[in-house]
Structures are given as structure tokens and as C-alpha cells.
Amino acid sequence: MPVAEPAAPSPEDRLDRVFHALADRTRRALLLRLAEGEAMVTALAAPFDMSLPAVSKHLRVLERAGLVERTVEGRVHRCAFGPAPLGEVEQWLDRTRAFWENRLAGLADYVESGADQQMRGEDER
């Protein structure tokens, strides 16, 4: 019986993975370090007060999100930053940015017009 290939993740699933990966400060720190250049897992683990398996677990989350690419040469694991998924995040942010900018601009107009004070003054009568 043939084994079915796993379905490719949807764009929403990919975004969920990236946001999940970025939600942890240790993983963000690992990405910042990798943005400077590739590194061995042992070097990445050095600044953290955690075991090598714990750091590897964080790296697997980043790999699953596509933010880290790992190569293995014998017992040496090297990691590199994979920025492509951040482009999808940027596109999502661009789509929501216009909404929030309009909402905040409307709020600023409302506050600057003094409408809020006028309404409170009418309520106190």
C-alpha cells in the first residue's frame, strides 16, 4: 500500500509556525546570532544556561518554521539563518498595517477634536 505524502502546509500554517517560533526569547536570540553568520550548534548553545538537547529542541522549532537551515557533516551540525519565511510575515503585516493605521488615525482625530470632552460634559448635565 503506497504511503501518502504529507500535504504541504498552507500559508496560514506557515505563518503560525513562524509566529510560534518567534514567540520565544531564546529562539529570537538564536536567530539574532545566526543573522551574523552560520554557527555550529555547540557555539549557539554556549551563551545559554541550558543543555545541548534543549537548544537543539529550540533549533528544531526554528527549522520547522523555515527560519533555520541545518547541515550535518559527521557529528558536526551547522545552522544558518533562513530569512524567507519572514517575507510572508512582512506581507501579512502589510495587509493589517493599513487597517490599524486608519483606526489609530481615526482615534487621534477624535481625541484632537475634543469630541470626547464634549460628550463627557453632556453626560454631567
PDB file of N, CA and C in Angstrom:
ATOM      1  N   MET A   1       0.827  -1.173   0.000  1.00  0.00           N
ATOM      2  CA  MET A   1       0.000   0.000   0.000  1.00  0.00           C
ATOM      3  C   MET A   1       0.880   1.249   0.000  1.00  0.00           C
ATOM      4  N   PRO A   2       0.687   2.154  -0.951  1.00  0.00           N
ATOM      5  CA  PRO A   2       1.535   3.352  -1.004  1.00  0.00           C
ATOM      6  C   PRO A   2       1.252   4.280   0.186  1.00  0.00           C
ATOM      7  N   VAL A   3       2.326   4.891   0.642  1.00  0.00           N
ATOM      8  CA  VAL A   3       2.214   5.848   1.749  1.00  0.00           C
ATOM      9  C   VAL A   3       1.956   7.222   1.163  1.00  0.00           C
ATOM     10  N   ALA A   4       0.938   7.892   1.678  1.00  0.00           N
ATOM     11  CA  ALA A   4       0.580   9.224   1.170  1.00  0.00           C
ATOM     12  C   ALA A   4       1.609  10.254   1.616  1.00  0.00           C
ATOM     13  N   GLU A   5       1.946  11.112   0.688  1.00  0.00           N
ATOM     14  CA  GLU A   5       2.851  12.227   1.004  1.00  0.00           C
ATOM     15  C   GLU A   5       2.116  13.209   1.918  1.00  0.00           C
ATOM     16  N   PRO A   6       2.800  13.737   2.931  1.00  0.00           N
ATOM     17  CA  PRO A   6       2.128  14.737   3.756  1.00  0.00           C
ATOM     18  C   PRO A   6       1.833  15.987   2.922  1.00  0.00           C
ATOM     19  N   ALA A   7       0.672  16.550   3.171  1.00  0.00           N
ATOM     20  CA  ALA A   7       0.271  17.754   2.426  1.00  0.00           C
ATOM     21  C   ALA A   7       1.186  18.913   2.790  1.00  0.00           C
ATOM     22  N   ALA A   8       1.478  19.731   1.802  1.00  0.00           N
ATOM     23  CA  ALA A   8       2.286  20.927   2.069  1.00  0.00           C
ATOM     24  C   ALA A   8       1.490  21.846   2.983  1.00  0.00           C
ATOM     25  N   PRO A   9       2.165  22.484   3.949  1.00  0.00           N
ATOM     26  CA  PRO A   9       1.432  23.374   4.854  1.00  0.00           C
ATOM     27  C   PRO A   9       0.843  24.569   4.102  1.00  0.00           C
ATOM     28  N   SER A  10      -0.321  24.973   4.533  1.00  0.00           N
ATOM     29  CA  SER A  10      -0.973  26.135   3.923  1.00  0.00           C
ATOM     30  C   SER A  10      -0.228  27.403   4.324  1.00  0.00           C
ATOM     31  N   PRO A  11      -0.462  28.507   3.620  1.00  0.00           N
ATOM     32  CA  PRO A  11       0.178  29.772   4.018  1.00  0.00           C
ATOM     33  C   PRO A  11      -0.135  30.142   5.478  1.00  0.00           C
ATOM     34  N   GLU A  12      -1.355  29.871   5.914  1.00  0.00           N
ATOM     35  CA  GLU A  12      -1.718  30.178   7.308  1.00  0.00           C
ATOM     36  C   GLU A  12      -0.948  29.289   8.283  1.00  0.00           C
ATOM     37  N   ASP A  13      -0.773  28.002   7.926  1.00  0.00           N
ATOM     38  CA  ASP A  13       0.009  27.099   8.773  1.00  0.00           C
ATOM     39  C   ASP A  13       1.459  27.567   8.863  1.00  0.00           C
ATOM     40  N   ARG A  14       2.006  28.017   7.730  1.00  0.00           N
ATOM     41  CA  ARG A  14       3.395  28.509   7.736  1.00  0.00           C
ATOM     42  C   ARG A  14       3.526  29.735   8.626  1.00  0.00           C
ATOM     43  N   LEU A  15       2.549  30.656   8.542  1.00  0.00           N
ATOM     44  CA  LEU A  15       2.578  31.836   9.410  1.00  0.00           C
ATOM     45  C   LEU A  15       2.500  31.434  10.878  1.00  0.00           C
ATOM     46  N   ASP A  16       1.630  30.484  11.195  1.00  0.00           N
ATOM     47  CA  ASP A  16       1.506  30.010  12.579  1.00  0.00           C
ATOM     48  C   ASP A  16       2.839  29.474  13.089  1.00  0.00           C
ATOM     49  N   ARG A  17       3.533  28.719  12.245  1.00  0.00           N
ATOM     50  CA  ARG A  17       4.829  28.157  12.653  1.00  0.00           C
ATOM     51  C   ARG A  17       5.858  29.253  12.907  1.00  0.00           C
ATOM     52  N   VAL A  18       5.873  30.265  12.050  1.00  0.00           N
ATOM     53  CA  VAL A  18       6.844  31.357  12.214  1.00  0.00           C
ATOM     54  C   VAL A  18       6.538  32.150  13.487  1.00  0.00           C
ATOM     55  N   PHE A  19       5.267  32.516  13.677  1.00  0.00           N
ATOM     56  CA  PHE A  19       4.922  33.276  14.881  1.00  0.00           C
ATOM     57  C   PHE A  19       5.185  32.461  16.147  1.00  0.00           C
ATOM     58  N   HIS A  20       4.913  31.162  16.097  1.00  0.00           N
ATOM     59  CA  HIS A  20       5.213  30.295  17.239  1.00  0.00           C
ATOM     60  C   HIS A  20       6.716  30.292  17.520  1.00  0.00           C
ATOM     61  N   ALA A  21       7.502  30.170  16.464  1.00  0.00           N
ATOM     62  CA  ALA A  21       8.960  30.143  16.635  1.00  0.00           C
ATOM     63  C   ALA A  21       9.469  31.459  17.214  1.00  0.00           C
ATOM     64  N   LEU A  22       8.912  32.575  16.766  1.00  0.00           N
ATOM     65  CA  LEU A  22       9.372  33.893  17.228  1.00  0.00           C
ATOM     66  C   LEU A  22       8.832  34.263  18.603  1.00  0.00           C
ATOM     67  N   ALA A  23       7.887  33.500  19.113  1.00  0.00           N
ATOM     68  CA  ALA A  23       7.259  33.829  20.395  1.00  0.00           C
ATOM     69  C   ALA A  23       8.168  33.559  21.587  1.00  0.00           C
ATOM     70  N   ASP A  24       9.266  32.874  21.373  1.00  0.00           N
ATOM     71  CA  ASP A  24      10.162  32.519  22.475  1.00  0.00           C
ATOM     72  C   ASP A  24      11.449  33.340  22.406  1.00  0.00           C
ATOM     73  N   ARG A  25      11.840  33.936  23.545  1.00  0.00           N
ATOM     74  CA  ARG A  25      13.023  34.806  23.557  1.00  0.00           C
ATOM     75  C   ARG A  25      14.319  34.063  23.235  1.00  0.00           C
ATOM     76  N   THR A  26      14.414  32.807  23.638  1.00  0.00           N
ATOM     77  CA  THR A  26      15.629  32.042  23.327  1.00  0.00           C
ATOM     78  C   THR A  26      15.750  31.842  21.822  1.00  0.00           C
ATOM     79  N   ARG A  27      14.638  31.511  21.186  1.00  0.00           N
ATOM     80  CA  ARG A  27      14.685  31.316  19.733  1.00  0.00           C
ATOM     81  C   ARG A  27      14.983  32.618  19.007  1.00  0.00           C
ATOM     82  N   ARG A  28      14.440  33.734  19.504  1.00  0.00           N
ATOM     83  CA  ARG A  28      14.764  35.027  18.884  1.00  0.00           C
ATOM     84  C   ARG A  28      16.252  35.324  19.039  1.00  0.00           C
ATOM     85  N   ALA A  29      16.821  35.014  20.198  1.00  0.00           N
ATOM     86  CA  ALA A  29      18.255  35.236  20.414  1.00  0.00           C
ATOM     87  C   ALA A  29      19.088  34.352  19.487  1.00  0.00           C
ATOM     88  N   LEU A  30      18.664  33.119  19.296  1.00  0.00           N
ATOM     89  CA  LEU A  30      19.374  32.229  18.374  1.00  0.00           C
ATOM     90  C   LEU A  30      19.341  32.792  16.952  1.00  0.00           C
ATOM     91  N   LEU A  31      18.189  33.311  16.548  1.00  0.00           N
ATOM     92  CA  LEU A  31      18.098  33.898  15.199  1.00  0.00           C
ATOM     93  C   LEU A  31      18.985  35.122  15.049  1.00  0.00           C
ATOM     94  N   LEU A  32      19.015  35.964  16.090  1.00  0.00           N
ATOM     95  CA  LEU A  32      19.895  37.140  16.023  1.00  0.00           C
ATOM     96  C   LEU A  32      21.344  36.725  15.849  1.00  0.00           C
ATOM     97  N   ARG A  33      21.741  35.687  16.560  1.00  0.00           N
ATOM     98  CA  ARG A  33      23.113  35.196  16.420  1.00  0.00           C
ATOM     99  C   ARG A  33      23.347  34.653  15.020  1.00  0.00           C
ATOM    100  N   LEU A  34      22.377  33.910  14.481  1.00  0.00           N
ATOM    101  CA  LEU A  34      22.537  33.336  13.144  1.00  0.00           C
ATOM    102  C   LEU A  34      22.472  34.395  12.048  1.00  0.00           C
ATOM    103  N   ALA A  35      21.865  35.516  12.322  1.00  0.00           N
ATOM    104  CA  ALA A  35      21.843  36.605  11.337  1.00  0.00           C
ATOM    105  C   ALA A  35      23.249  37.142  11.089  1.00  0.00           C
ATOM    106  N   GLU A  36      24.154  36.903  12.041  1.00  0.00           N
ATOM    107  CA  GLU A  36      25.556  37.321  11.885  1.00  0.00           C
ATOM    108  C   GLU A  36      26.345  36.339  11.026  1.00  0.00           C
ATOM    109  N   GLY A  37      25.851  35.116  10.883  1.00  0.00           N
ATOM    110  CA  GLY A  37      26.538  34.101  10.100  1.00  0.00           C
ATOM    111  C   GLY A  37      26.271  32.719  10.662  1.00  0.00           C
ATOM    112  N   GLU A  38      26.555  31.703   9.856  1.00  0.00           N
ATOM    113  CA  GLU A  38      26.284  30.336  10.304  1.00  0.00           C
ATOM    114  C   GLU A  38      27.123  29.980  11.515  1.00  0.00           C
ATOM    115  N   ALA A  39      26.640  28.998  12.285  1.00  0.00           N
ATOM    116  CA  ALA A  39      27.345  28.587  13.505  1.00  0.00           C
ATOM    117  C   ALA A  39      27.039  27.125  13.804  1.00  0.00           C
ATOM    118  N   MET A  40      27.953  26.491  14.530  1.00  0.00           N
ATOM    119  CA  MET A  40      27.726  25.132  14.997  1.00  0.00           C
ATOM    120  C   MET A  40      26.761  25.185  16.177  1.00  0.00           C
ATOM    121  N   VAL A  41      26.025  24.106  16.343  1.00  0.00           N
ATOM    122  CA  VAL A  41      25.039  24.044  17.425  1.00  0.00           C
ATOM    123  C   VAL A  41      25.718  24.264  18.773  1.00  0.00           C
ATOM    124  N   THR A  42      26.894  23.705  18.970  1.00  0.00           N
ATOM    125  CA  THR A  42      27.576  23.874  20.255  1.00  0.00           C
ATOM    126  C   THR A  42      27.899  25.342  20.527  1.00  0.00           C
ATOM    127  N   ALA A  43      28.286  26.075  19.491  1.00  0.00           N
ATOM    128  CA  ALA A  43      28.572  27.507  19.657  1.00  0.00           C
ATOM    129  C   ALA A  43      27.294  28.279  19.942  1.00  0.00           C
ATOM    130  N   LEU A  44      26.201  27.884  19.312  1.00  0.00           N
ATOM    131  CA  LEU A  44      24.927  28.548  19.560  1.00  0.00           C
ATOM    132  C   LEU A  44      24.450  28.317  20.992  1.00  0.00           C
ATOM    133  N   ALA A  45      24.735  27.134  21.516  1.00  0.00           N
ATOM    134  CA  ALA A  45      24.271  26.781  22.854  1.00  0.00           C
ATOM    135  C   ALA A  45      25.077  27.456  23.953  1.00  0.00           C
ATOM    136  N   ALA A  46      26.315  27.835  23.670  1.00  0.00           N
ATOM    137  CA  ALA A  46      27.229  28.335  24.697  1.00  0.00           C
ATOM    138  C   ALA A  46      26.668  29.466  25.573  1.00  0.00           C
ATOM    139  N   PRO A  47      26.012  30.504  25.013  1.00  0.00           N
ATOM    140  CA  PRO A  47      25.559  31.606  25.863  1.00  0.00           C
ATOM    141  C   PRO A  47      24.355  31.280  26.754  1.00  0.00           C
ATOM    142  N   PHE A  48      23.732  30.138  26.544  1.00  0.00           N
ATOM    143  CA  PHE A  48      22.504  29.825  27.268  1.00  0.00           C
ATOM    144  C   PHE A  48      22.753  28.856  28.408  1.00  0.00           C
ATOM    145  N   ASP A  49      22.033  29.046  29.477  1.00  0.00           N
ATOM    146  CA  ASP A  49      22.126  28.168  30.639  1.00  0.00           C
ATOM    147  C   ASP A  49      21.123  27.026  30.459  1.00  0.00           C
ATOM    148  N   MET A  50      21.391  26.203  29.433  1.00  0.00           N
ATOM    149  CA  MET A  50      20.525  25.056  29.167  1.00  0.00           C
ATOM    150  C   MET A  50      21.343  23.978  28.481  1.00  0.00           C
ATOM    151  N   SER A  51      20.812  22.787  28.484  1.00  0.00           N
ATOM    152  CA  SER A  51      21.518  21.656  27.891  1.00  0.00           C
ATOM    153  C   SER A  51      21.537  21.762  26.366  1.00  0.00           C
ATOM    154  N   LEU A  52      22.468  21.047  25.771  1.00  0.00           N
ATOM    155  CA  LEU A  52      22.554  20.993  24.313  1.00  0.00           C
ATOM    156  C   LEU A  52      21.269  20.423  23.699  1.00  0.00           C
ATOM    157  N   PRO A  53      20.673  19.367  24.292  1.00  0.00           N
ATOM    158  CA  PRO A  53      19.395  18.879  23.744  1.00  0.00           C
ATOM    159  C   PRO A  53      18.287  19.933  23.802  1.00  0.00           C
ATOM    160  N   ALA A  54      18.273  20.768  24.829  1.00  0.00           N
ATOM    161  CA  ALA A  54      17.249  21.815  24.929  1.00  0.00           C
ATOM    162  C   ALA A  54      17.431  22.853  23.817  1.00  0.00           C
ATOM    163  N   VAL A  55      18.684  23.222  23.546  1.00  0.00           N
ATOM    164  CA  VAL A  55      18.953  24.171  22.457  1.00  0.00           C
ATOM    165  C   VAL A  55      18.585  23.533  21.124  1.00  0.00           C
ATOM    166  N   SER A  56      18.885  22.249  20.965  1.00  0.00           N
ATOM    167  CA  SER A  56      18.530  21.549  19.725  1.00  0.00           C
ATOM    168  C   SER A  56      17.019  21.532  19.520  1.00  0.00           C
ATOM    169  N   LYS A  57      16.282  21.418  20.608  1.00  0.00           N
ATOM    170  CA  LYS A  57      14.822  21.445  20.514  1.00  0.00           C
ATOM    171  C   LYS A  57      14.339  22.805  19.990  1.00  0.00           C
ATOM    172  N   HIS A  58      14.927  23.882  20.505  1.00  0.00           N
ATOM    173  CA  HIS A  58      14.599  25.220  20.011  1.00  0.00           C
ATOM    174  C   HIS A  58      14.948  25.342  18.523  1.00  0.00           C
ATOM    175  N   LEU A  59      16.095  24.802  18.147  1.00  0.00           N
ATOM    176  CA  LEU A  59      16.511  24.868  16.745  1.00  0.00           C
ATOM    177  C   LEU A  59      15.559  24.085  15.842  1.00  0.00           C
ATOM    178  N   ARG A  60      15.032  22.970  16.331  1.00  0.00           N
ATOM    179  CA  ARG A  60      14.064  22.202  15.530  1.00  0.00           C
ATOM    180  C   ARG A  60      12.792  23.006  15.282  1.00  0.00           C
ATOM    181  N   VAL A  61      12.347  23.768  16.287  1.00  0.00           N
ATOM    182  CA  VAL A  61      11.171  24.626  16.101  1.00  0.00           C
ATOM    183  C   VAL A  61      11.468  25.662  15.012  1.00  0.00           C
ATOM    184  N   LEU A  62      12.662  26.256  15.079  1.00  0.00           N
ATOM    185  CA  LEU A  62      13.061  27.248  14.071  1.00  0.00           C
ATOM    186  C   LEU A  62      13.191  26.609  12.690  1.00  0.00           C
ATOM    187  N   GLU A  63      13.707  25.387  12.648  1.00  0.00           N
ATOM    188  CA  GLU A  63      13.820  24.672  11.367  1.00  0.00           C
ATOM    189  C   GLU A  63      12.443  24.380  10.783  1.00  0.00           C
ATOM    190  N   ARG A  64      11.531  23.942  11.620  1.00  0.00           N
ATOM    191  CA  ARG A  64      10.172  23.622  11.158  1.00  0.00           C
ATOM    192  C   ARG A  64       9.495  24.858  10.571  1.00  0.00           C
ATOM    193  N   ALA A  65       9.827  26.027  11.118  1.00  0.00           N
ATOM    194  CA  ALA A  65       9.272  27.285  10.608  1.00  0.00           C
ATOM    195  C   ALA A  65      10.017  27.766   9.367  1.00  0.00           C
ATOM    196  N   GLY A  66      11.127  27.104   9.035  1.00  0.00           N
ATOM    197  CA  GLY A  66      11.914  27.500   7.871  1.00  0.00           C
ATOM    198  C   GLY A  66      12.885  28.635   8.152  1.00  0.00           C
ATOM    199  N   LEU A  67      13.040  28.990   9.431  1.00  0.00           N
ATOM    200  CA  LEU A  67      13.911  30.110   9.798  1.00  0.00           C
ATOM    201  C   LEU A  67      15.369  29.695   9.982  1.00  0.00           C
ATOM    202  N   VAL A  68      15.602  28.389  10.120  1.00  0.00           N
ATOM    203  CA  VAL A  68      16.962  27.871  10.277  1.00  0.00           C
ATOM    204  C   VAL A  68      17.143  26.695   9.334  1.00  0.00           C
ATOM    205  N   GLU A  69      18.303  26.656   8.708  1.00  0.00           N
ATOM    206  CA  GLU A  69      18.678  25.536   7.846  1.00  0.00           C
ATOM    207  C   GLU A  69      19.881  24.863   8.481  1.00  0.00           C
ATOM    208  N   ARG A  70      19.776  23.565   8.681  1.00  0.00           N
ATOM    209  CA  ARG A  70      20.851  22.816   9.349  1.00  0.00           C
ATOM    210  C   ARG A  70      21.524  21.887   8.348  1.00  0.00           C
ATOM    211  N   THR A  71      22.855  21.863   8.400  1.00  0.00           N
ATOM    212  CA  THR A  71      23.624  20.894   7.617  1.00  0.00           C
ATOM    213  C   THR A  71      24.406  20.036   8.595  1.00  0.00           C
ATOM    214  N   VAL A  72      24.569  18.770   8.243  1.00  0.00           N
ATOM    215  CA  VAL A  72      25.265  17.834   9.120  1.00  0.00           C
ATOM    216  C   VAL A  72      26.450  17.259   8.367  1.00  0.00           C
ATOM    217  N   GLU A  73      27.628  17.389   8.982  1.00  0.00           N
ATOM    218  CA  GLU A  73      28.853  16.805   8.444  1.00  0.00           C
ATOM    219  C   GLU A  73      29.436  15.923   9.536  1.00  0.00           C
ATOM    220  N   GLY A  74      29.159  14.633   9.437  1.00  0.00           N
ATOM    221  CA  GLY A  74      29.587  13.735  10.505  1.00  0.00           C
ATOM    222  C   GLY A  74      28.821  14.055  11.782  1.00  0.00           C
ATOM    223  N   ARG A  75      29.577  14.409  12.828  1.00  0.00           N
ATOM    224  CA  ARG A  75      28.939  14.753  14.101  1.00  0.00           C
ATOM    225  C   ARG A  75      28.757  16.257  14.263  1.00  0.00           C
ATOM    226  N   VAL A  76      29.179  17.019  13.273  1.00  0.00           N
ATOM    227  CA  VAL A  76      29.111  18.477  13.361  1.00  0.00           C
ATOM    228  C   VAL A  76      27.829  18.974  12.692  1.00  0.00           C
ATOM    229  N   HIS A  77      27.038  19.696  13.470  1.00  0.00           N
ATOM    230  CA  HIS A  77      25.795  20.293  12.960  1.00  0.00           C
ATOM    231  C   HIS A  77      26.008  21.794  12.842  1.00  0.00           C
ATOM    232  N   ARG A  78      25.820  22.308  11.636  1.00  0.00           N
ATOM    233  CA  ARG A  78      25.927  23.756  11.399  1.00  0.00           C
ATOM    234  C   ARG A  78      24.542  24.296  11.074  1.00  0.00           C
ATOM    235  N   CYS A  79      24.287  25.491  11.576  1.00  0.00           N
ATOM    236  CA  CYS A  79      22.997  26.129  11.334  1.00  0.00           C
ATOM    237  C   CYS A  79      23.207  27.465  10.640  1.00  0.00           C
ATOM    238  N   ALA A  80      22.254  27.804   9.777  1.00  0.00           N
ATOM    239  CA  ALA A  80      22.280  29.089   9.080  1.00  0.00           C
ATOM    240  C   ALA A  80      20.877  29.688   9.138  1.00  0.00           C
ATOM    241  N   PHE A  81      20.829  30.989   9.093  1.00  0.00           N
ATOM    242  CA  PHE A  81      19.568  31.727   9.114  1.00  0.00           C
ATOM    243  C   PHE A  81      18.880  31.595   7.766  1.00  0.00           C
ATOM    244  N   GLY A  82      17.595  31.279   7.779  1.00  0.00           N
ATOM    245  CA  GLY A  82      16.788  31.194   6.560  1.00  0.00           C
ATOM    246  C   GLY A  82      15.705  32.264   6.611  1.00  0.00           C
ATOM    247  N   PRO A  83      15.961  33.437   6.060  1.00  0.00           N
ATOM    248  CA  PRO A  83      15.038  34.560   6.231  1.00  0.00           C
ATOM    249  C   PRO A  83      13.768  34.520   5.392  1.00  0.00           C
ATOM    250  N   ALA A  84      13.630  33.594   4.455  1.00  0.00           N
ATOM    251  CA  ALA A  84      12.487  33.598   3.533  1.00  0.00           C
ATOM    252  C   ALA A  84      11.126  33.668   4.236  1.00  0.00           C
ATOM    253  N   PRO A  85      10.885  32.905   5.302  1.00  0.00           N
ATOM    254  CA  PRO A  85       9.565  32.977   5.950  1.00  0.00           C
ATOM    255  C   PRO A  85       9.228  34.359   6.506  1.00  0.00           C
ATOM    256  N   LEU A  86      10.229  35.153   6.789  1.00  0.00           N
ATOM    257  CA  LEU A  86       9.957  36.497   7.295  1.00  0.00           C
ATOM    258  C   LEU A  86       9.315  37.372   6.224  1.00  0.00           C
ATOM    259  N   GLY A  87       9.525  37.040   4.953  1.00  0.00           N
ATOM    260  CA  GLY A  87       8.857  37.751   3.870  1.00  0.00           C
ATOM    261  C   GLY A  87       7.347  37.541   3.928  1.00  0.00           C
ATOM    262  N   GLU A  88       6.922  36.316   4.261  1.00  0.00           N
ATOM    263  CA  GLU A  88       5.492  36.039   4.408  1.00  0.00           C
ATOM    264  C   GLU A  88       4.915  36.812   5.592  1.00  0.00           C
ATOM    265  N   VAL A  89       5.688  36.901   6.675  1.00  0.00           N
ATOM    266  CA  VAL A  89       5.246  37.666   7.842  1.00  0.00           C
ATOM    267  C   VAL A  89       5.107  39.135   7.464  1.00  0.00           C
ATOM    268  N   GLU A  90       6.070  39.648   6.719  1.00  0.00           N
ATOM    269  CA  GLU A  90       6.023  41.050   6.300  1.00  0.00           C
ATOM    270  C   GLU A  90       4.791  41.326   5.434  1.00  0.00           C
ATOM    271  N   GLN A  91       4.478  40.402   4.537  1.00  0.00           N
ATOM    272  CA  GLN A  91       3.281  40.568   3.703  1.00  0.00           C
ATOM    273  C   GLN A  91       2.024  40.599   4.571  1.00  0.00           C
ATOM    274  N   TRP A  92       1.957  39.723   5.557  1.00  0.00           N
ATOM    275  CA  TRP A  92       0.795  39.695   6.452  1.00  0.00           C
ATOM    276  C   TRP A  92       0.701  41.006   7.234  1.00  0.00           C
ATOM    277  N   LEU A  93       1.831  41.484   7.728  1.00  0.00           N
ATOM    278  CA  LEU A  93       1.839  42.745   8.469  1.00  0.00           C
ATOM    279  C   LEU A  93       1.424  43.914   7.591  1.00  0.00           C
ATOM    280  N   ASP A  94       1.852  43.909   6.339  1.00  0.00           N
ATOM    281  CA  ASP A  94       1.456  44.976   5.409  1.00  0.00           C
ATOM    282  C   ASP A  94      -0.059  45.009   5.218  1.00  0.00           C
ATOM    283  N   ARG A  95      -0.668  43.818   5.146  1.00  0.00           N
ATOM    284  CA  ARG A  95      -2.126  43.764   4.960  1.00  0.00           C
ATOM    285  C   ARG A  95      -2.858  44.296   6.197  1.00  0.00           C
ATOM    286  N   THR A  96      -2.330  44.059   7.371  1.00  0.00           N
ATOM    287  CA  THR A  96      -3.016  44.522   8.586  1.00  0.00           C
ATOM    288  C   THR A  96      -2.609  45.943   8.981  1.00  0.00           C
ATOM    289  N   ARG A  97      -1.457  46.380   8.516  1.00  0.00           N
ATOM    290  CA  ARG A  97      -0.955  47.709   8.889  1.00  0.00           C
ATOM    291  C   ARG A  97      -1.927  48.808   8.475  1.00  0.00           C
ATOM    292  N   ALA A  98      -2.453  48.758   7.269  1.00  0.00           N
ATOM    293  CA  ALA A  98      -3.370  49.796   6.781  1.00  0.00           C
ATOM    294  C   ALA A  98      -4.592  49.896   7.685  1.00  0.00           C
ATOM    295  N   PHE A  99      -5.137  48.765   8.090  1.00  0.00           N
ATOM    296  CA  PHE A  99      -6.292  48.770   8.986  1.00  0.00           C
ATOM    297  C   PHE A  99      -5.972  49.496  10.281  1.00  0.00           C
ATOM    298  N   TRP A 100      -4.858  49.119  10.929  1.00  0.00           N
ATOM    299  CA  TRP A 100      -4.520  49.709  12.225  1.00  0.00           C
ATOM    300  C   TRP A 100      -4.129  51.173  12.105  1.00  0.00           C
ATOM    301  N   GLU A 101      -3.461  51.530  11.027  1.00  0.00           N
ATOM    302  CA  GLU A 101      -3.112  52.944  10.846  1.00  0.00           C
ATOM    303  C   GLU A 101      -4.372  53.790  10.693  1.00  0.00           C
ATOM    304  N   ASN A 102      -5.356  53.289   9.959  1.00  0.00           N
ATOM    305  CA  ASN A 102      -6.622  54.012   9.804  1.00  0.00           C
ATOM    306  C   ASN A 102      -7.369  54.112  11.135  1.00  0.00           C
ATOM    307  N   ARG A 103      -7.390  53.037  11.885  1.00  0.00           N
ATOM    308  CA  ARG A 103      -8.081  53.044  13.179  1.00  0.00           C
ATOM    309  C   ARG A 103      -7.407  54.022  14.147  1.00  0.00           C
ATOM    310  N   LEU A 104      -6.097  54.006  14.186  1.00  0.00           N
ATOM    311  CA  LEU A 104      -5.376  54.904  15.089  1.00  0.00           C
ATOM    312  C   LEU A 104      -5.493  56.356  14.650  1.00  0.00           C
ATOM    313  N   ALA A 105      -5.510  56.586  13.342  1.00  0.00           N
ATOM    314  CA  ALA A 105      -5.679  57.948  12.840  1.00  0.00           C
ATOM    315  C   ALA A 105      -7.068  58.460  13.213  1.00  0.00           C
ATOM    316  N   GLY A 106      -8.080  57.619  13.107  1.00  0.00           N
ATOM    317  CA  GLY A 106      -9.435  57.999  13.490  1.00  0.00           C
ATOM    318  C   GLY A 106      -9.534  58.313  14.970  1.00  0.00           C
ATOM    319  N   LEU A 107      -8.870  57.530  15.779  1.00  0.00           N
ATOM    320  CA  LEU A 107      -8.849  57.787  17.219  1.00  0.00           C
ATOM    321  C   LEU A 107      -8.155  59.106  17.519  1.00  0.00           C
ATOM    322  N   ALA A 108      -7.045  59.369  16.855  1.00  0.00           N
ATOM    323  CA  ALA A 108      -6.321  60.629  17.066  1.00  0.00           C
ATOM    324  C   ALA A 108      -7.197  61.817  16.666  1.00  0.00           C
ATOM    325  N   ASP A 109      -7.889  61.713  15.544  1.00  0.00           N
ATOM    326  CA  ASP A 109      -8.792  62.790  15.108  1.00  0.00           C
ATOM    327  C   ASP A 109      -9.884  63.024  16.143  1.00  0.00           C
ATOM    328  N   TYR A 110     -10.430  61.942  16.650  1.00  0.00           N
ATOM    329  CA  TYR A 110     -11.497  62.027  17.647  1.00  0.00           C
ATOM    330  C   TYR A 110     -11.017  62.739  18.903  1.00  0.00           C
ATOM    331  N   VAL A 111      -9.857  62.346  19.401  1.00  0.00           N
ATOM    332  CA  VAL A 111      -9.312  62.949  20.624  1.00  0.00           C
ATOM    333  C   VAL A 111      -8.959  64.409  20.384  1.00  0.00           C
ATOM    334  N   GLU A 112      -8.343  64.687  19.251  1.00  0.00           N
ATOM    335  CA  GLU A 112      -7.936  66.069  18.963  1.00  0.00           C
ATOM    336  C   GLU A 112      -9.129  66.995  18.745  1.00  0.00           C
ATOM    337  N   SER A 113     -10.242  66.445  18.306  1.00  0.00           N
ATOM    338  CA  SER A 113     -11.417  67.286  18.059  1.00  0.00           C
ATOM    339  C   SER A 113     -12.108  67.694  19.356  1.00  0.00           C
ATOM    340  N   GLY A 114     -11.770  67.049  20.440  1.00  0.00           N
ATOM    341  CA  GLY A 114     -12.401  67.371  21.717  1.00  0.00           C
ATOM    342  C   GLY A 114     -13.770  66.748  21.856  1.00  0.00           C
ATOM    343  N   ALA A 115     -14.145  65.873  20.944  1.00  0.00           N
ATOM    344  CA  ALA A 115     -15.459  65.237  20.995  1.00  0.00           C
ATOM    345  C   ALA A 115     -15.629  64.449  22.285  1.00  0.00           C
ATOM    346  N   ASP A 116     -14.553  63.862  22.751  1.00  0.00           N
ATOM    347  CA  ASP A 116     -14.613  63.080  23.981  1.00  0.00           C
ATOM    348  C   ASP A 116     -14.997  63.978  25.156  1.00  0.00           C
ATOM    349  N   GLN A 117     -14.387  65.146  25.248  1.00  0.00           N
ATOM    350  CA  GLN A 117     -14.705  66.076  26.341  1.00  0.00           C
ATOM    351  C   GLN A 117     -16.114  66.605  26.200  1.00  0.00           C
ATOM    352  N   GLN A 118     -16.555  66.877  24.982  1.00  0.00           N
ATOM    353  CA  GLN A 118     -17.911  67.369  24.759  1.00  0.00           C
ATOM    354  C   GLN A 118     -18.933  66.344  25.230  1.00  0.00           C
ATOM    355  N   MET A 119     -18.677  65.072  24.944  1.00  0.00           N
ATOM    356  CA  MET A 119     -19.612  64.026  25.358  1.00  0.00           C
ATOM    357  C   MET A 119     -19.648  63.901  26.872  1.00  0.00           C
ATOM    358  N   ARG A 120     -18.485  63.995  27.521  1.00  0.00           N
ATOM    359  CA  ARG A 120     -18.458  63.910  28.985  1.00  0.00           C
ATOM    360  C   ARG A 120     -19.183  65.091  29.599  1.00  0.00           C
ATOM    361  N   GLY A 121     -19.038  66.250  28.998  1.00  0.00           N
ATOM    362  CA  GLY A 121     -19.704  67.451  29.509  1.00  0.00           C
ATOM    363  C   GLY A 121     -21.213  67.317  29.414  1.00  0.00           C
ATOM    364  N   GLU A 122     -21.701  66.679  28.347  1.00  0.00           N
ATOM    365  CA  GLU A 122     -23.139  66.491  28.183  1.00  0.00           C
ATOM    366  C   GLU A 122     -23.666  65.468  29.186  1.00  0.00           C
ATOM    367  N   ASP A 123     -22.845  64.454  29.501  1.00  0.00           N
ATOM    368  CA  ASP A 123     -23.269  63.426  30.453  1.00  0.00           C
ATOM    369  C   ASP A 123     -23.398  63.974  31.859  1.00  0.00           C
ATOM    370  N   GLU A 124     -22.595  64.964  32.192  1.00  0.00           N
ATOM    371  CA  GLU A 124     -22.579  65.508  33.555  1.00  0.00           C
ATOM    372  C   GLU A 124     -23.769  66.428  33.815  1.00  0.00           C
ATOM    373  N   ARG A 125     -24.449  66.856  32.803  1.00  0.00           N
ATOM    374  CA  ARG A 125     -25.602  67.778  32.970  1.00  0.00           C
ATOM    375  C   ARG A 125     -26.792  67.100  33.496  1.00  0.00           C
TER     376      ARG A 125
END
